[in-house]
């Protein structure tokens, strides 16, 4: 890849999504953009980026930016946060919100939807339909392609094997050819929307729980602080923010304070 093309792509990712593409990551660009280059019949990734540089504001810009965004996730990822939801956080919120009977949850970087569907299944399994309650799970991602895939709720056997226990597979999925599809009642619990966290959020209600797991590490420092500031504004003062296990919040103690619940760390806004 020509150096000038890599420099252009680094600038594009910072402008589009606040993503910091580090020097020496040309191999990552080739891996992420290779399928797009082949699908669009470009001779190479380098040729694709050269064409984009000459026409930087069309549909190809969106396709390239979305292909570069990390979309790796799995059902019930890391286990412990979901155990804490079941044992502590959902019971706490159900008691606190008994007056309004509302529960709002946001999966803020949902990729193909596994996290949001995991939350929906957890609620359904352990707290039933919460009759008379208004439960809303918003799931968002910067990638329109990921959002469309998440809405389908269709997953390969490999994706199912990564986190779905057999009893949940039996109760909440159905066979769809070589795929497994999330049942309609679970899909109806989730509202999927395209949201770029690096730009001002669209109007959203205050949330009781926000998941922003394993996404902050990809932003540059200024974007990360601004995203966290906006998340704090969208989280109820007694709500819960979840970030990734490898994401430190020490530098943002003016925005959030830490709660340690069993083996899970989560955060509340300072307001």
Protein backbone atom coordinates (compact mmCIF):
# COMPACT_ATOMS: atom_id res chain seq x y z
CA UNK A 1 0.00 0.00 0.00
CA UNK A 2 1.35 3.40 -0.95
CA UNK A 3 2.12 5.56 2.12
CA UNK A 4 -0.08 8.41 0.88
CA UNK A 5 -3.07 6.04 0.66
CA UNK A 6 -2.58 4.85 4.22
CA UNK A 7 -2.27 8.46 5.44
CA UNK A 8 -5.50 9.34 3.61
CA UNK A 9 -7.33 6.40 5.19
CA UNK A 10 -6.10 7.31 8.69
CA UNK A 11 -7.52 10.81 8.18
CA UNK A 12 -10.79 9.42 6.83
CA UNK A 13 -11.32 7.15 9.84
CA UNK A 14 -10.59 9.95 12.30
CA UNK A 15 -13.06 12.26 10.54
CA UNK A 16 -15.80 9.66 10.01
CA UNK A 17 -15.81 7.85 13.34
CA UNK A 18 -13.12 9.34 15.57
CA UNK A 19 -11.20 6.08 15.16
CA UNK A 20 -7.44 6.19 15.62
CA UNK A 21 -5.78 3.96 13.02
CA UNK A 22 -2.24 3.54 14.30
CA UNK A 23 0.90 3.57 12.19
CA UNK A 24 1.99 0.13 11.07
CA UNK A 25 -1.59 -1.16 10.70
CA UNK A 26 -1.49 -1.51 6.92
CA UNK A 27 -2.05 -5.26 7.37
CA UNK A 28 -5.34 -4.48 9.10
CA UNK A 29 -6.44 -2.26 6.21
CA UNK A 30 -5.68 -5.03 3.71
CA UNK A 31 -7.65 -7.56 5.79
CA UNK A 32 -10.68 -5.31 6.28
CA UNK A 33 -10.88 -3.79 2.81
CA UNK A 34 -9.83 -6.85 0.81
CA UNK A 35 -13.39 -8.31 0.63
CA UNK A 36 -14.80 -4.91 -0.39
CA UNK A 37 -12.16 -4.48 -3.10
CA UNK A 38 -12.94 -7.93 -4.51
CA UNK A 39 -16.71 -7.40 -4.34
CA UNK A 40 -16.44 -4.08 -6.20
CA UNK A 41 -13.94 -5.54 -8.73
CA UNK A 42 -10.96 -3.36 -7.84
CA UNK A 43 -7.58 -4.87 -8.64
CA UNK A 44 -6.27 -4.23 -5.12
CA UNK A 45 -7.00 -2.38 -1.90
CA UNK A 46 -4.46 0.23 -2.97
CA UNK A 47 -6.40 0.81 -6.19
CA UNK A 48 -9.65 1.13 -4.25
CA UNK A 49 -8.22 3.78 -1.92
CA UNK A 50 -6.68 5.69 -4.82
CA UNK A 51 -10.10 5.85 -6.47
CA UNK A 52 -11.66 6.99 -3.19
CA UNK A 53 -9.11 9.80 -2.89
CA UNK A 54 -10.25 11.14 -6.25
CA UNK A 55 -13.94 10.95 -5.25
CA UNK A 56 -13.93 11.21 -1.45
CA UNK A 57 -17.60 11.98 -0.74
CA UNK A 58 -19.61 9.24 -2.40
CA UNK A 59 -21.07 5.89 -1.38
CA UNK A 60 -17.62 4.28 -1.47
CA UNK A 61 -16.52 6.49 1.44
CA UNK A 62 -19.30 5.05 3.62
CA UNK A 63 -18.53 1.48 2.55
CA UNK A 64 -14.82 1.86 3.31
CA UNK A 65 -15.37 3.51 6.69
CA UNK A 66 -17.89 0.86 7.76
CA UNK A 67 -15.65 -1.99 6.61
CA UNK A 68 -12.82 -0.60 8.74
CA UNK A 69 -14.85 -0.47 11.96
CA UNK A 70 -14.32 -3.47 14.25
CA UNK A 71 -17.47 -5.62 14.42
CA UNK A 72 -16.35 -8.53 16.60
CA UNK A 73 -18.73 -9.66 19.34
CA UNK A 74 -20.44 -12.74 20.75
CA UNK A 75 -23.44 -13.83 22.81
CA UNK A 76 -23.10 -13.30 26.59
CA UNK A 77 -19.57 -12.00 26.06
CA UNK A 78 -17.33 -12.27 29.16
CA UNK A 79 -20.17 -13.89 31.16
CA UNK A 80 -19.70 -11.96 34.42
CA UNK A 81 -21.51 -8.74 33.39
CA UNK A 82 -24.58 -10.79 32.47
CA UNK A 83 -24.46 -12.70 35.74
CA UNK A 84 -24.36 -9.37 37.58
CA UNK A 85 -27.30 -8.12 35.53
CA UNK A 86 -29.34 -11.16 36.54
CA UNK A 87 -28.38 -11.32 40.21
CA UNK A 88 -28.09 -7.65 41.18
CA UNK A 89 -28.77 -4.96 38.60
CA UNK A 90 -32.10 -6.03 37.10
CA UNK A 91 -33.62 -6.76 40.54
CA UNK A 92 -32.37 -3.37 41.74
CA UNK A 93 -33.79 -1.48 38.76
CA UNK A 94 -37.11 -3.32 38.82
CA UNK A 95 -37.51 -2.23 42.45
CA UNK A 96 -36.41 1.36 41.76
CA UNK A 97 -38.60 1.74 38.66
CA UNK A 98 -41.71 0.12 40.13
CA UNK A 99 -43.48 3.49 40.11
CA UNK A 100 -42.94 4.31 36.43
CA UNK A 101 -42.70 0.70 35.22
CA UNK A 102 -40.17 1.66 32.56
CA UNK A 103 -36.79 0.10 31.82
CA UNK A 104 -34.51 1.48 29.12
CA UNK A 105 -31.31 -0.20 27.95
CA UNK A 106 -28.87 0.87 25.21
CA UNK A 107 -26.35 -1.41 23.52
CA UNK A 108 -24.28 1.41 22.02
CA UNK A 109 -21.96 -0.56 19.72
CA UNK A 110 -24.03 -3.64 18.97
CA UNK A 111 -22.30 -4.97 15.82
CA UNK A 112 -24.43 -7.93 14.64
CA UNK A 113 -26.77 -7.71 17.63
CA UNK A 114 -25.55 -10.50 19.91
CA UNK A 115 -25.22 -8.28 22.99
CA UNK A 116 -28.71 -6.78 22.67
CA UNK A 117 -30.31 -10.18 22.09
CA UNK A 118 -28.38 -11.59 25.06
CA UNK A 119 -29.90 -8.89 27.29
CA UNK A 120 -33.38 -9.59 25.89
CA UNK A 121 -33.05 -13.33 26.50
CA UNK A 122 -31.78 -12.71 30.03
CA UNK A 123 -34.80 -10.54 30.82
CA UNK A 124 -37.20 -13.03 29.27
CA UNK A 125 -35.71 -16.02 31.05
CA UNK A 126 -35.45 -14.62 34.57
CA UNK A 127 -38.00 -11.79 34.79
CA UNK A 128 -40.73 -12.91 32.39
CA UNK A 129 -42.65 -10.37 30.36
CA UNK A 130 -42.81 -7.81 33.20
CA UNK A 131 -46.55 -7.29 32.64
CA UNK A 132 -47.59 -3.66 32.59
CA UNK A 133 -43.98 -2.51 32.08
CA UNK A 134 -42.55 -0.63 29.11
CA UNK A 135 -39.19 -2.26 28.41
CA UNK A 136 -37.12 -0.75 25.60
CA UNK A 137 -33.78 -2.07 24.36
CA UNK A 138 -32.09 0.25 21.86
CA UNK A 139 -29.19 -1.25 19.91
CA UNK A 140 -27.03 0.91 17.67
CA UNK A 141 -23.97 0.69 15.49
CA UNK A 142 -22.13 2.98 13.09
CA UNK A 143 -22.43 0.38 10.31
CA UNK A 144 -25.69 0.27 8.36
CA UNK A 145 -24.75 -3.20 7.09
CA UNK A 146 -24.37 -4.47 10.67
CA UNK A 147 -27.71 -2.96 11.67
CA UNK A 148 -29.51 -4.67 8.79
CA UNK A 149 -27.89 -7.97 9.71
CA UNK A 150 -28.73 -7.54 13.39
CA UNK A 151 -32.40 -6.91 12.57
CA UNK A 152 -32.55 -10.30 10.86
CA UNK A 153 -31.21 -12.02 13.98
CA UNK A 154 -29.70 -14.81 11.89
CA UNK A 155 -26.45 -16.47 13.00
CA UNK A 156 -24.15 -19.27 11.88
CA UNK A 157 -23.51 -22.36 13.95
CA UNK A 158 -20.07 -20.98 14.83
CA UNK A 159 -21.60 -17.76 16.16
CA UNK A 160 -24.14 -19.74 18.16
CA UNK A 161 -21.39 -21.93 19.62
CA UNK A 162 -19.71 -18.77 20.93
CA UNK A 163 -21.88 -18.19 23.97
CA UNK A 164 -25.41 -19.57 23.55
CA UNK A 165 -26.19 -22.34 26.08
CA UNK A 166 -28.18 -25.28 24.72
CA UNK A 167 -31.29 -24.50 26.79
CA UNK A 168 -31.44 -20.94 25.40
CA UNK A 169 -30.87 -22.19 21.87
CA UNK A 170 -33.85 -24.53 22.25
CA UNK A 171 -36.16 -21.86 23.67
CA UNK A 172 -35.19 -18.72 21.77
CA UNK A 173 -33.93 -19.77 18.31
CA UNK A 174 -35.28 -21.64 15.33
CA UNK A 175 -33.50 -23.36 12.46
CA UNK A 176 -33.33 -21.36 9.24
CA UNK A 177 -31.46 -23.50 6.72
CA UNK A 178 -27.83 -23.54 7.83
CA UNK A 179 -28.46 -20.62 10.17
CA UNK A 180 -30.16 -20.12 13.53
CA UNK A 181 -32.62 -17.25 13.82
CA UNK A 182 -33.67 -15.47 17.02
CA UNK A 183 -37.37 -15.97 17.72
CA UNK A 184 -39.77 -13.18 16.87
CA UNK A 185 -40.69 -12.35 20.49
CA UNK A 186 -37.02 -11.67 21.32
CA UNK A 187 -36.43 -9.68 18.11
CA UNK A 188 -39.44 -7.49 18.92
CA UNK A 189 -37.80 -6.45 22.21
CA UNK A 190 -34.93 -4.67 20.40
CA UNK A 191 -35.04 -1.40 18.44
CA UNK A 192 -32.04 -1.27 16.09
CA UNK A 193 -30.76 2.14 14.95
CA UNK A 194 -27.71 3.44 13.10
CA UNK A 195 -25.83 5.84 15.40
CA UNK A 196 -22.28 7.11 15.06
CA UNK A 197 -20.98 7.56 18.62
CA UNK A 198 -18.34 10.02 17.40
CA UNK A 199 -21.02 12.53 16.40
CA UNK A 200 -23.82 14.14 18.46
CA UNK A 201 -26.41 11.54 19.42
CA UNK A 202 -29.96 11.71 18.06
CA UNK A 203 -32.73 12.32 20.61
CA UNK A 204 -32.81 9.41 23.07
CA UNK A 205 -34.53 8.93 26.43
CA UNK A 206 -32.42 8.70 29.57
CA UNK A 207 -31.18 5.14 29.90
CA UNK A 208 -31.08 2.86 32.94
CA UNK A 209 -28.23 0.78 31.48
CA UNK A 210 -25.76 1.63 28.72
CA UNK A 211 -23.35 -0.90 27.23
CA UNK A 212 -20.37 0.72 25.50
CA UNK A 213 -18.10 -2.28 25.71
CA UNK A 214 -14.87 -2.68 23.75
CA UNK A 215 -15.48 0.39 21.60
CA UNK A 216 -13.84 3.28 23.47
CA UNK A 217 -10.35 1.87 22.88
CA UNK A 218 -10.66 2.59 19.16
CA UNK A 219 -11.29 6.34 19.60
CA UNK A 220 -8.65 9.03 19.92
CA UNK A 221 -8.47 10.73 23.32
CA UNK A 222 -10.58 13.79 22.46
CA UNK A 223 -13.31 11.70 20.85
CA UNK A 224 -13.33 9.24 23.76
CA UNK A 225 -13.89 12.01 26.31
CA UNK A 226 -16.64 13.58 24.22
CA UNK A 227 -18.40 10.23 23.75
CA UNK A 228 -18.26 9.57 27.50
CA UNK A 229 -19.55 13.07 28.25
CA UNK A 230 -22.56 12.46 26.01
CA UNK A 231 -23.13 8.98 27.46
CA UNK A 232 -23.13 10.49 30.96
CA UNK A 233 -25.83 12.90 29.81
CA UNK A 234 -27.95 10.02 28.49
CA UNK A 235 -27.65 7.83 31.61
CA UNK A 236 -29.91 8.22 34.64
CA UNK A 237 -28.03 9.24 37.76
CA UNK A 238 -28.70 5.84 39.37
CA UNK A 239 -28.09 3.93 36.13
CA UNK A 240 -25.22 1.69 35.07
CA UNK A 241 -22.56 2.09 32.36
CA UNK A 242 -20.65 -0.98 31.21
CA UNK A 243 -17.35 -0.66 29.33
CA UNK A 244 -14.92 -3.34 28.19
CA UNK A 245 -12.77 -5.20 30.67
CA UNK A 246 -9.59 -3.75 29.14
CA UNK A 247 -10.92 -0.17 29.02
CA UNK A 248 -9.78 2.01 31.91
CA UNK A 249 -11.92 4.89 33.16
CA UNK A 250 -9.39 6.45 35.55
CA UNK A 251 -8.92 9.52 33.33
CA UNK A 252 -12.68 10.17 33.33
CA UNK A 253 -13.37 10.13 37.07
CA UNK A 254 -14.82 13.64 36.70
CA UNK A 255 -17.58 12.11 34.55
CA UNK A 256 -18.20 8.72 36.20
CA UNK A 257 -17.52 6.93 39.44
CA UNK A 258 -16.90 3.20 39.69
CA UNK A 259 -19.11 0.53 41.21
CA UNK A 260 -17.68 -2.92 41.93
CA UNK A 261 -20.41 -5.56 42.01
CA UNK A 262 -19.04 -9.05 42.59
CA UNK A 263 -16.59 -9.57 39.71
CA UNK A 264 -18.03 -6.80 37.54
CA UNK A 265 -17.02 -3.15 37.31
CA UNK A 266 -19.60 -0.63 36.12
CA UNK A 267 -20.00 3.14 36.39
CA UNK A 268 -22.45 5.87 37.34
CA UNK A 269 -22.44 9.49 36.19
CA UNK A 270 -21.28 12.22 38.57
CA UNK A 271 -24.35 14.45 38.61
